[in-house]
Amino acid sequence: MSDCNAVKPQVTATPAGAATADGQRAVCQTLRSMKDAWARHDAISYGDQFTQDATYTSYVGTAYQGRDDIAEGHRALFDGFLKGTKLSDSWLSLRFYGPDTAVATSRGDTYEGGEPEAADLSKTQSYTLVRQATTPGASPPSRTPSASASWNASRSCSPPTPSPRPRNERPRRQGLRQSHRAGCR
């Protein structure tokens, strides 16, 4: 798997200036916190990684609006068919649009058991992250009282590219279920 911190960030010039190495570390930490919350099946912590007005679109088209909707939707998923799953990401790019906005793109999937190889990840995921000012001791976007700013995300996924199949071959139910289950949520 490629590590988010190992990706050389691209910077798009804006009047606001360029991103810093600290900005990249903070973005990567937000993405790691999202992955860790998923592994614990902690829907509240997972939702806390998103902006209050975030949009989240799964590869099957389920749309969530806002941090609370994302958390509640994932609570149900973590108690249901995503129980026991973890997230895997292989980072493709990280682009900064000034010091307070970044877009990260990865190949990813959910999995159970051993983490899959990067070549086996079937979804493309895009995360749009913004840095938001926080007040010490405030509720999300940051639960870290000493933080002066927090990076939060919105997320969308693209479906896997279907494999070509001969015209006379019927779709296999088990393969479809596994593809749906391995989705970017």
N, C-alpha and C. Protein backbone atom coordinates (compact mmCIF):
# COMPACT_ATOMS: atom_id res chain seq x y z
N MET A 1 0.84 -1.18 0.00
CA MET A 1 0.00 0.00 0.00
C MET A 1 0.88 1.23 0.00
N SER A 2 0.47 2.24 -0.74
CA SER A 2 1.23 3.49 -0.67
C SER A 2 0.73 4.30 0.52
N ASP A 3 1.67 4.92 1.20
CA ASP A 3 1.36 5.73 2.36
C ASP A 3 1.06 7.15 1.91
N CYS A 4 0.06 7.76 2.49
CA CYS A 4 -0.33 9.12 2.15
C CYS A 4 0.85 10.07 2.27
N ASN A 5 1.66 9.92 3.32
CA ASN A 5 2.81 10.81 3.51
C ASN A 5 3.89 10.62 2.45
N ALA A 6 3.89 9.47 1.75
CA ALA A 6 4.89 9.20 0.73
C ALA A 6 4.51 9.80 -0.63
N VAL A 7 3.27 10.22 -0.79
CA VAL A 7 2.83 10.80 -2.06
C VAL A 7 3.36 12.21 -2.17
N LYS A 8 4.01 12.51 -3.29
CA LYS A 8 4.51 13.87 -3.49
C LYS A 8 3.32 14.76 -3.84
N PRO A 9 3.02 15.73 -2.98
CA PRO A 9 1.84 16.55 -3.25
C PRO A 9 2.06 17.49 -4.42
N GLN A 10 1.00 17.73 -5.15
CA GLN A 10 1.01 18.72 -6.21
C GLN A 10 0.38 19.97 -5.64
N VAL A 11 0.86 21.11 -6.06
CA VAL A 11 0.33 22.37 -5.56
C VAL A 11 -0.16 23.18 -6.74
N THR A 12 -1.41 23.60 -6.66
CA THR A 12 -1.98 24.48 -7.66
C THR A 12 -1.88 25.89 -7.09
N ALA A 13 -1.21 26.76 -7.82
CA ALA A 13 -0.99 28.12 -7.33
C ALA A 13 -2.31 28.84 -7.13
N THR A 14 -2.44 29.46 -5.99
CA THR A 14 -3.61 30.27 -5.69
C THR A 14 -3.12 31.54 -5.00
N PRO A 15 -3.93 32.57 -4.98
CA PRO A 15 -3.53 33.78 -4.27
C PRO A 15 -3.28 33.53 -2.79
N ALA A 16 -3.88 32.47 -2.23
CA ALA A 16 -3.74 32.19 -0.80
C ALA A 16 -2.39 31.59 -0.46
N GLY A 17 -1.63 31.13 -1.45
CA GLY A 17 -0.32 30.55 -1.17
C GLY A 17 -0.30 29.05 -1.32
N ALA A 18 0.83 28.44 -0.99
CA ALA A 18 1.05 27.01 -1.19
C ALA A 18 0.92 26.24 0.12
N ALA A 19 0.72 24.96 -0.01
CA ALA A 19 0.62 24.07 1.15
C ALA A 19 2.01 23.82 1.72
N THR A 20 2.06 23.35 2.95
CA THR A 20 3.33 23.05 3.62
C THR A 20 3.40 21.56 3.93
N ALA A 21 4.60 21.11 4.34
CA ALA A 21 4.76 19.72 4.76
C ALA A 21 3.86 19.43 5.96
N ASP A 22 3.69 20.42 6.85
CA ASP A 22 2.78 20.25 7.98
C ASP A 22 1.35 20.06 7.50
N GLY A 23 0.97 20.76 6.44
CA GLY A 23 -0.36 20.60 5.86
C GLY A 23 -0.57 19.19 5.34
N GLN A 24 0.45 18.65 4.66
CA GLN A 24 0.34 17.28 4.16
C GLN A 24 0.22 16.30 5.31
N ARG A 25 1.05 16.45 6.33
CA ARG A 25 0.96 15.54 7.48
C ARG A 25 -0.42 15.61 8.12
N ALA A 26 -0.98 16.82 8.24
CA ALA A 26 -2.30 16.97 8.86
C ALA A 26 -3.39 16.33 8.01
N VAL A 27 -3.32 16.50 6.69
CA VAL A 27 -4.30 15.86 5.80
C VAL A 27 -4.19 14.34 5.93
N CYS A 28 -2.97 13.83 5.89
CA CYS A 28 -2.77 12.38 5.99
C CYS A 28 -3.25 11.85 7.34
N GLN A 29 -3.06 12.63 8.40
CA GLN A 29 -3.54 12.21 9.72
C GLN A 29 -5.06 12.15 9.75
N THR A 30 -5.73 13.10 9.11
CA THR A 30 -7.20 13.05 9.03
C THR A 30 -7.65 11.79 8.31
N LEU A 31 -7.01 11.47 7.20
CA LEU A 31 -7.37 10.27 6.44
C LEU A 31 -7.06 9.00 7.24
N ARG A 32 -5.97 9.01 7.97
CA ARG A 32 -5.63 7.86 8.82
C ARG A 32 -6.64 7.72 9.96
N SER A 33 -7.07 8.85 10.53
CA SER A 33 -8.08 8.82 11.60
C SER A 33 -9.39 8.25 11.10
N MET A 34 -9.74 8.56 9.85
CA MET A 34 -10.95 8.03 9.23
C MET A 34 -10.84 6.51 9.12
N LYS A 35 -9.70 6.04 8.64
CA LYS A 35 -9.46 4.61 8.47
C LYS A 35 -9.46 3.89 9.83
N ASP A 36 -8.83 4.51 10.84
CA ASP A 36 -8.79 3.91 12.17
C ASP A 36 -10.19 3.83 12.80
N ALA A 37 -10.99 4.89 12.63
CA ALA A 37 -12.36 4.87 13.17
C ALA A 37 -13.17 3.76 12.51
N TRP A 38 -12.99 3.56 11.20
CA TRP A 38 -13.68 2.47 10.50
C TRP A 38 -13.27 1.13 11.10
N ALA A 39 -11.97 0.95 11.31
CA ALA A 39 -11.47 -0.34 11.85
C ALA A 39 -12.07 -0.63 13.22
N ARG A 40 -12.33 0.41 14.01
CA ARG A 40 -12.96 0.24 15.34
C ARG A 40 -14.49 0.18 15.24
N HIS A 41 -15.03 0.43 14.06
CA HIS A 41 -16.47 0.54 13.82
C HIS A 41 -17.09 1.61 14.72
N ASP A 42 -16.37 2.70 14.85
CA ASP A 42 -16.78 3.84 15.66
C ASP A 42 -17.40 4.89 14.74
N ALA A 43 -18.71 4.79 14.56
CA ALA A 43 -19.41 5.65 13.61
C ALA A 43 -19.30 7.13 13.99
N ILE A 44 -19.32 7.44 15.27
CA ILE A 44 -19.23 8.84 15.70
C ILE A 44 -17.86 9.41 15.34
N SER A 45 -16.79 8.70 15.66
CA SER A 45 -15.44 9.17 15.31
C SER A 45 -15.26 9.24 13.80
N TYR A 46 -15.84 8.28 13.09
CA TYR A 46 -15.77 8.32 11.63
C TYR A 46 -16.46 9.58 11.12
N GLY A 47 -17.66 9.84 11.60
CA GLY A 47 -18.40 11.03 11.19
C GLY A 47 -17.69 12.32 11.56
N ASP A 48 -16.97 12.31 12.69
CA ASP A 48 -16.26 13.51 13.13
C ASP A 48 -15.17 13.94 12.16
N GLN A 49 -14.74 13.06 11.28
CA GLN A 49 -13.70 13.41 10.32
C GLN A 49 -14.24 14.25 9.16
N PHE A 50 -15.55 14.43 9.11
CA PHE A 50 -16.19 15.14 8.01
C PHE A 50 -16.67 16.52 8.46
N THR A 51 -16.77 17.43 7.50
CA THR A 51 -17.31 18.75 7.81
C THR A 51 -18.78 18.63 8.17
N GLN A 52 -19.28 19.62 8.87
CA GLN A 52 -20.68 19.64 9.28
C GLN A 52 -21.61 19.51 8.07
N ASP A 53 -21.20 20.10 6.94
CA ASP A 53 -22.05 20.09 5.74
C ASP A 53 -21.50 19.17 4.64
N ALA A 54 -20.71 18.17 5.01
CA ALA A 54 -20.08 17.27 4.05
C ALA A 54 -21.12 16.53 3.21
N THR A 55 -20.70 16.16 2.02
CA THR A 55 -21.47 15.22 1.21
C THR A 55 -20.63 13.96 1.08
N TYR A 56 -21.31 12.83 1.04
CA TYR A 56 -20.64 11.54 0.99
C TYR A 56 -21.46 10.67 0.05
N THR A 57 -20.85 10.23 -1.03
CA THR A 57 -21.55 9.41 -2.01
C THR A 57 -20.84 8.08 -2.14
N SER A 58 -21.57 6.99 -1.92
CA SER A 58 -20.98 5.66 -2.05
C SER A 58 -20.98 5.25 -3.51
N TYR A 59 -20.26 4.19 -3.81
CA TYR A 59 -20.18 3.75 -5.21
C TYR A 59 -21.51 3.22 -5.73
N VAL A 60 -22.45 2.87 -4.86
CA VAL A 60 -23.76 2.43 -5.32
C VAL A 60 -24.75 3.59 -5.40
N GLY A 61 -24.26 4.81 -5.09
CA GLY A 61 -25.08 6.00 -5.23
C GLY A 61 -25.78 6.47 -3.97
N THR A 62 -25.57 5.80 -2.85
CA THR A 62 -26.16 6.27 -1.60
C THR A 62 -25.52 7.61 -1.25
N ALA A 63 -26.35 8.61 -1.00
CA ALA A 63 -25.86 9.94 -0.68
C ALA A 63 -26.18 10.28 0.77
N TYR A 64 -25.17 10.74 1.49
CA TYR A 64 -25.32 11.20 2.86
C TYR A 64 -25.05 12.69 2.86
N GLN A 65 -25.78 13.42 3.68
CA GLN A 65 -25.60 14.87 3.75
C GLN A 65 -25.30 15.28 5.18
N GLY A 66 -24.07 15.73 5.42
CA GLY A 66 -23.69 16.22 6.73
C GLY A 66 -23.10 15.16 7.63
N ARG A 67 -22.32 15.63 8.59
CA ARG A 67 -21.60 14.77 9.54
C ARG A 67 -22.53 13.80 10.27
N ASP A 68 -23.66 14.30 10.76
CA ASP A 68 -24.57 13.44 11.54
C ASP A 68 -25.17 12.33 10.68
N ASP A 69 -25.54 12.64 9.44
CA ASP A 69 -26.10 11.64 8.53
C ASP A 69 -25.04 10.59 8.19
N ILE A 70 -23.80 11.02 7.98
CA ILE A 70 -22.72 10.09 7.69
C ILE A 70 -22.50 9.15 8.88
N ALA A 71 -22.47 9.71 10.09
CA ALA A 71 -22.27 8.89 11.29
C ALA A 71 -23.42 7.91 11.48
N GLU A 72 -24.65 8.37 11.37
CA GLU A 72 -25.79 7.47 11.57
C GLU A 72 -25.86 6.40 10.50
N GLY A 73 -25.58 6.77 9.26
CA GLY A 73 -25.57 5.77 8.18
C GLY A 73 -24.52 4.70 8.42
N HIS A 74 -23.35 5.13 8.89
CA HIS A 74 -22.29 4.16 9.13
C HIS A 74 -22.51 3.34 10.40
N ARG A 75 -23.23 3.88 11.35
CA ARG A 75 -23.58 3.07 12.52
C ARG A 75 -24.38 1.84 12.06
N ALA A 76 -25.35 2.06 11.20
CA ALA A 76 -26.15 0.94 10.68
C ALA A 76 -25.29 -0.01 9.84
N LEU A 77 -24.40 0.55 9.01
CA LEU A 77 -23.55 -0.30 8.17
C LEU A 77 -22.58 -1.13 9.02
N PHE A 78 -21.99 -0.51 10.04
CA PHE A 78 -21.04 -1.22 10.91
C PHE A 78 -21.73 -2.31 11.72
N ASP A 79 -23.00 -2.13 12.02
CA ASP A 79 -23.76 -3.16 12.74
C ASP A 79 -24.31 -4.22 11.78
N GLY A 80 -24.27 -3.95 10.48
CA GLY A 80 -24.83 -4.85 9.48
C GLY A 80 -23.76 -5.51 8.64
N PHE A 81 -23.91 -5.37 7.31
CA PHE A 81 -23.05 -6.14 6.43
C PHE A 81 -21.60 -5.65 6.35
N LEU A 82 -21.26 -4.50 6.93
CA LEU A 82 -19.86 -4.07 6.98
C LEU A 82 -19.19 -4.43 8.31
N LYS A 83 -19.91 -5.17 9.14
CA LYS A 83 -19.35 -5.60 10.43
C LYS A 83 -18.07 -6.41 10.17
N GLY A 84 -17.02 -6.05 10.88
CA GLY A 84 -15.76 -6.78 10.76
C GLY A 84 -14.86 -6.32 9.62
N THR A 85 -15.28 -5.31 8.85
CA THR A 85 -14.46 -4.87 7.73
C THR A 85 -13.50 -3.75 8.15
N LYS A 86 -12.48 -3.56 7.33
CA LYS A 86 -11.53 -2.46 7.47
C LYS A 86 -11.40 -1.79 6.11
N LEU A 87 -10.81 -0.60 6.12
CA LEU A 87 -10.56 0.13 4.87
C LEU A 87 -9.12 -0.07 4.43
N SER A 88 -8.92 -0.18 3.13
CA SER A 88 -7.59 -0.22 2.56
C SER A 88 -7.51 0.88 1.51
N ASP A 89 -6.41 1.61 1.51
CA ASP A 89 -6.20 2.69 0.53
C ASP A 89 -4.80 2.59 -0.02
N SER A 90 -4.67 2.90 -1.29
CA SER A 90 -3.38 3.08 -1.93
C SER A 90 -3.45 4.46 -2.58
N TRP A 91 -2.69 5.40 -2.05
CA TRP A 91 -2.83 6.80 -2.44
C TRP A 91 -2.22 7.06 -3.80
N LEU A 92 -3.01 7.72 -4.65
CA LEU A 92 -2.58 8.04 -6.00
C LEU A 92 -2.08 9.48 -6.12
N SER A 93 -2.81 10.39 -5.48
CA SER A 93 -2.41 11.79 -5.60
C SER A 93 -2.94 12.59 -4.42
N LEU A 94 -2.28 13.70 -4.20
CA LEU A 94 -2.69 14.67 -3.20
C LEU A 94 -2.41 16.03 -3.80
N ARG A 95 -3.46 16.82 -3.99
CA ARG A 95 -3.33 18.13 -4.62
C ARG A 95 -3.86 19.18 -3.66
N PHE A 96 -3.05 20.22 -3.45
CA PHE A 96 -3.44 21.34 -2.60
C PHE A 96 -3.87 22.50 -3.47
N TYR A 97 -4.97 23.11 -3.11
CA TYR A 97 -5.48 24.31 -3.76
C TYR A 97 -5.39 25.43 -2.73
N GLY A 98 -4.19 25.83 -2.43
CA GLY A 98 -3.94 26.80 -1.37
C GLY A 98 -3.71 26.07 -0.07
N PRO A 99 -3.46 26.80 1.02
CA PRO A 99 -3.10 26.16 2.28
C PRO A 99 -4.26 25.52 3.03
N ASP A 100 -5.51 25.75 2.60
CA ASP A 100 -6.66 25.26 3.36
C ASP A 100 -7.55 24.29 2.62
N THR A 101 -7.18 23.86 1.42
CA THR A 101 -8.01 22.95 0.63
C THR A 101 -7.12 21.93 -0.07
N ALA A 102 -7.51 20.65 0.03
CA ALA A 102 -6.75 19.58 -0.61
C ALA A 102 -7.72 18.55 -1.18
N VAL A 103 -7.29 17.90 -2.25
CA VAL A 103 -8.04 16.79 -2.83
C VAL A 103 -7.10 15.59 -2.87
N ALA A 104 -7.49 14.51 -2.23
CA ALA A 104 -6.71 13.27 -2.21
C ALA A 104 -7.48 12.22 -3.01
N THR A 105 -6.75 11.45 -3.80
CA THR A 105 -7.35 10.39 -4.60
C THR A 105 -6.63 9.08 -4.29
N SER A 106 -7.42 8.03 -4.14
CA SER A 106 -6.82 6.72 -3.85
C SER A 106 -7.59 5.62 -4.56
N ARG A 107 -6.96 4.46 -4.63
CA ARG A 107 -7.65 3.22 -4.96
C ARG A 107 -7.97 2.62 -3.59
N GLY A 108 -9.14 2.07 -3.42
CA GLY A 108 -9.48 1.55 -2.11
C GLY A 108 -10.53 0.48 -2.15
N ASP A 109 -10.78 -0.08 -0.99
CA ASP A 109 -11.77 -1.14 -0.83
C ASP A 109 -11.96 -1.41 0.65
N THR A 110 -13.02 -2.11 0.97
CA THR A 110 -13.17 -2.66 2.31
C THR A 110 -12.68 -4.10 2.24
N TYR A 111 -12.27 -4.64 3.38
CA TYR A 111 -11.79 -6.01 3.38
C TYR A 111 -11.97 -6.61 4.76
N GLU A 112 -11.91 -7.93 4.81
CA GLU A 112 -11.87 -8.70 6.04
C GLU A 112 -10.63 -9.58 5.96
N GLY A 113 -10.01 -9.85 7.09
CA GLY A 113 -8.79 -10.67 7.08
C GLY A 113 -7.59 -9.83 6.72
N GLY A 114 -6.70 -10.41 5.89
CA GLY A 114 -5.47 -9.72 5.50
C GLY A 114 -5.73 -8.59 4.52
N GLU A 115 -4.96 -7.53 4.64
CA GLU A 115 -5.13 -6.37 3.76
C GLU A 115 -4.76 -6.75 2.33
N PRO A 116 -5.59 -6.35 1.36
CA PRO A 116 -5.31 -6.69 -0.04
C PRO A 116 -4.12 -5.90 -0.59
N GLU A 117 -3.55 -6.42 -1.66
CA GLU A 117 -2.48 -5.73 -2.37
C GLU A 117 -3.08 -4.53 -3.12
N ALA A 118 -2.27 -3.54 -3.39
CA ALA A 118 -2.74 -2.33 -4.09
C ALA A 118 -3.40 -2.68 -5.42
N ALA A 119 -2.85 -3.65 -6.14
CA ALA A 119 -3.39 -4.03 -7.45
C ALA A 119 -4.79 -4.63 -7.35
N ASP A 120 -5.18 -5.11 -6.16
CA ASP A 120 -6.49 -5.74 -5.98
C ASP A 120 -7.58 -4.76 -5.54
N LEU A 121 -7.23 -3.51 -5.30
CA LEU A 121 -8.22 -2.52 -4.86
C LEU A 121 -9.03 -2.08 -6.07
N SER A 122 -10.36 -2.13 -5.94
CA SER A 122 -11.21 -1.97 -7.12
C SER A 122 -11.96 -0.65 -7.22
N LYS A 123 -11.87 0.22 -6.23
CA LYS A 123 -12.63 1.47 -6.27
C LYS A 123 -11.67 2.66 -6.36
N THR A 124 -12.13 3.73 -6.98
CA THR A 124 -11.40 4.99 -6.97
C THR A 124 -12.15 5.91 -6.03
N GLN A 125 -11.43 6.51 -5.09
CA GLN A 125 -12.03 7.36 -4.07
C GLN A 125 -11.43 8.75 -4.16
N SER A 126 -12.26 9.75 -4.00
CA SER A 126 -11.79 11.13 -3.95
C SER A 126 -12.24 11.74 -2.63
N TYR A 127 -11.31 12.39 -1.96
CA TYR A 127 -11.59 13.08 -0.71
C TYR A 127 -11.28 14.56 -0.92
N THR A 128 -12.22 15.42 -0.63
CA THR A 128 -11.97 16.85 -0.63
C THR A 128 -11.88 17.28 0.82
N LEU A 129 -10.75 17.87 1.18
CA LEU A 129 -10.50 18.24 2.58
C LEU A 129 -10.32 19.74 2.70
N VAL A 130 -10.86 20.29 3.76
CA VAL A 130 -10.70 21.71 4.05
C VAL A 130 -10.23 21.86 5.49
N ARG A 131 -9.37 22.86 5.69
CA ARG A 131 -8.93 23.16 7.05
C ARG A 131 -9.92 24.15 7.63
N GLN A 132 -10.39 23.85 8.84
CA GLN A 132 -11.36 24.70 9.51
C GLN A 132 -10.80 25.15 10.84
N ALA A 133 -10.99 26.42 11.14
CA ALA A 133 -10.57 26.94 12.44
C ALA A 133 -11.41 26.30 13.53
N THR A 134 -10.80 26.07 14.66
CA THR A 134 -11.51 25.48 15.79
C THR A 134 -11.26 26.32 17.04
N THR A 135 -12.12 26.15 17.97
CA THR A 135 -11.99 26.80 19.25
C THR A 135 -11.59 25.75 20.27
N PRO A 136 -10.56 26.02 21.10
CA PRO A 136 -10.18 25.01 22.09
C PRO A 136 -11.38 24.55 22.91
N GLY A 137 -11.50 23.22 23.04
CA GLY A 137 -12.60 22.63 23.81
C GLY A 137 -13.91 22.56 23.06
N ALA A 138 -13.92 22.95 21.78
CA ALA A 138 -15.16 22.96 21.00
C ALA A 138 -15.50 21.55 20.54
N SER A 139 -16.74 21.37 20.10
CA SER A 139 -17.15 20.10 19.51
C SER A 139 -16.53 20.01 18.12
N PRO A 140 -16.73 18.92 17.38
CA PRO A 140 -16.11 18.78 16.08
C PRO A 140 -16.30 20.05 15.26
N PRO A 141 -15.37 20.42 14.38
CA PRO A 141 -14.51 19.52 13.66
C PRO A 141 -13.31 18.98 14.40
N SER A 142 -12.95 19.44 15.54
CA SER A 142 -11.80 18.88 16.23
C SER A 142 -12.17 18.51 17.65
N ARG A 143 -11.85 17.29 18.05
CA ARG A 143 -12.05 16.89 19.44
C ARG A 143 -10.74 17.03 20.22
N THR A 144 -9.71 17.58 19.58
CA THR A 144 -8.43 17.79 20.24
C THR A 144 -8.43 19.21 20.78
N PRO A 145 -8.52 19.41 22.10
CA PRO A 145 -8.65 20.75 22.66
C PRO A 145 -7.55 21.71 22.26
N SER A 146 -6.33 21.24 22.00
CA SER A 146 -5.24 22.16 21.70
C SER A 146 -5.16 22.52 20.21
N ALA A 147 -5.97 21.92 19.38
CA ALA A 147 -5.86 22.17 17.94
C ALA A 147 -6.37 23.57 17.60
N SER A 148 -5.65 24.22 16.68
CA SER A 148 -6.10 25.53 16.21
C SER A 148 -6.80 25.40 14.86
N ALA A 149 -6.58 24.29 14.19
CA ALA A 149 -7.25 24.04 12.92
C ALA A 149 -7.36 22.53 12.74
N SER A 150 -8.37 22.11 12.00
CA SER A 150 -8.60 20.69 11.77
C SER A 150 -8.94 20.50 10.30
N TRP A 151 -8.42 19.44 9.71
CA TRP A 151 -8.77 19.09 8.34
C TRP A 151 -9.96 18.15 8.40
N ASN A 152 -10.98 18.42 7.60
CA ASN A 152 -12.15 17.57 7.53
C ASN A 152 -12.46 17.26 6.07
N ALA A 153 -13.21 16.18 5.84
CA ALA A 153 -13.35 15.64 4.50
C ALA A 153 -14.78 15.58 4.00
N SER A 154 -14.91 15.49 2.69
CA SER A 154 -16.08 15.01 1.98
C SER A 154 -15.55 13.86 1.12
N ARG A 155 -16.38 12.91 0.75
CA ARG A 155 -15.88 11.73 0.06
C ARG A 155 -16.85 11.28 -1.01
N SER A 156 -16.30 10.83 -2.12
CA SER A 156 -17.13 10.19 -3.15
C SER A 156 -16.35 9.04 -3.74
N CYS A 157 -17.05 8.07 -4.29
CA CYS A 157 -16.44 6.87 -4.84
C CYS A 157 -16.96 6.60 -6.22
N SER A 158 -16.12 5.98 -7.01
CA SER A 158 -16.52 5.51 -8.33
C SER A 158 -16.66 4.01 -8.28
N PRO A 159 -17.62 3.47 -9.01
CA PRO A 159 -17.80 2.02 -8.99
C PRO A 159 -16.62 1.32 -9.65
N PRO A 160 -16.45 0.05 -9.34
CA PRO A 160 -15.39 -0.70 -10.01
C PRO A 160 -15.70 -0.79 -11.49
N THR A 161 -14.66 -0.90 -12.29
CA THR A 161 -14.84 -1.08 -13.72
C THR A 161 -15.27 -2.52 -13.95
N PRO A 162 -16.44 -2.72 -14.59
CA PRO A 162 -16.89 -4.10 -14.79
C PRO A 162 -15.98 -4.85 -15.75
N SER A 163 -15.78 -6.12 -15.49
CA SER A 163 -15.00 -6.96 -16.40
C SER A 163 -15.89 -7.36 -17.56
N PRO A 164 -15.33 -7.36 -18.77
CA PRO A 164 -16.16 -7.81 -19.90
C PRO A 164 -16.51 -9.28 -19.71
N ARG A 165 -17.72 -9.64 -20.13
CA ARG A 165 -18.14 -11.03 -20.00
C ARG A 165 -18.82 -11.43 -21.30
N PRO A 166 -18.62 -12.66 -21.71
CA PRO A 166 -19.28 -13.13 -22.94
C PRO A 166 -20.79 -12.95 -22.85
N ARG A 167 -21.42 -12.69 -23.98
CA ARG A 167 -22.86 -12.42 -24.02
C ARG A 167 -23.70 -13.54 -23.43
N ASN A 168 -23.28 -14.77 -23.60
CA ASN A 168 -24.11 -15.89 -23.12
C ASN A 168 -23.84 -16.23 -21.65
N GLU A 169 -22.93 -15.53 -20.99
CA GLU A 169 -22.63 -15.83 -19.59
C GLU A 169 -23.53 -14.99 -18.68
N ARG A 170 -24.16 -15.66 -17.75
CA ARG A 170 -25.01 -14.97 -16.77
C ARG A 170 -24.15 -14.39 -15.65
N PRO A 171 -24.58 -13.25 -15.08
CA PRO A 171 -23.84 -12.74 -13.94
C PRO A 171 -23.91 -13.72 -12.78
N ARG A 172 -22.83 -13.87 -12.05
CA ARG A 172 -22.81 -14.77 -10.90
C ARG A 172 -23.24 -14.01 -9.67
N ARG A 173 -24.24 -14.53 -8.99
CA ARG A 173 -24.79 -13.86 -7.80
C ARG A 173 -23.70 -13.64 -6.74
N GLN A 174 -22.90 -14.65 -6.48
CA GLN A 174 -21.89 -14.52 -5.44
C GLN A 174 -20.92 -13.39 -5.78
N GLY A 175 -20.47 -13.30 -7.02
CA GLY A 175 -19.54 -12.24 -7.42
C GLY A 175 -20.16 -10.87 -7.26
N LEU A 176 -21.44 -10.73 -7.58
CA LEU A 176 -22.10 -9.45 -7.43
C LEU A 176 -22.21 -9.08 -5.95
N ARG A 177 -22.52 -10.04 -5.11
CA ARG A 177 -22.63 -9.76 -3.67
C ARG A 177 -21.26 -9.32 -3.14
N GLN A 178 -20.21 -10.02 -3.52
CA GLN A 178 -18.89 -9.64 -3.03
C GLN A 178 -18.50 -8.26 -3.52
N SER A 179 -18.81 -7.94 -4.76
CA SER A 179 -18.49 -6.62 -5.29
C SER A 179 -19.24 -5.55 -4.51
N HIS A 180 -20.53 -5.78 -4.23
CA HIS A 180 -21.31 -4.81 -3.46
C HIS A 180 -20.76 -4.69 -2.05
N ARG A 181 -20.41 -5.79 -1.45
CA ARG A 181 -19.93 -5.80 -0.08
C ARG A 181 -18.57 -5.09 0.05
N ALA A 182 -17.77 -5.13 -0.98
CA ALA A 182 -16.44 -4.55 -0.90
C ALA A 182 -16.45 -3.07 -1.26
N GLY A 183 -17.60 -2.45 -1.20
CA GLY A 183 -17.74 -1.08 -1.69
C GLY A 183 -17.10 -0.01 -0.85
N CYS A 184 -16.93 1.13 -1.49
CA CYS A 184 -16.47 2.34 -0.82
C CYS A 184 -17.69 2.95 -0.17
N ARG A 185 -17.73 3.01 1.10
CA ARG A 185 -18.90 3.50 1.83
C ARG A 185 -18.59 4.80 2.50
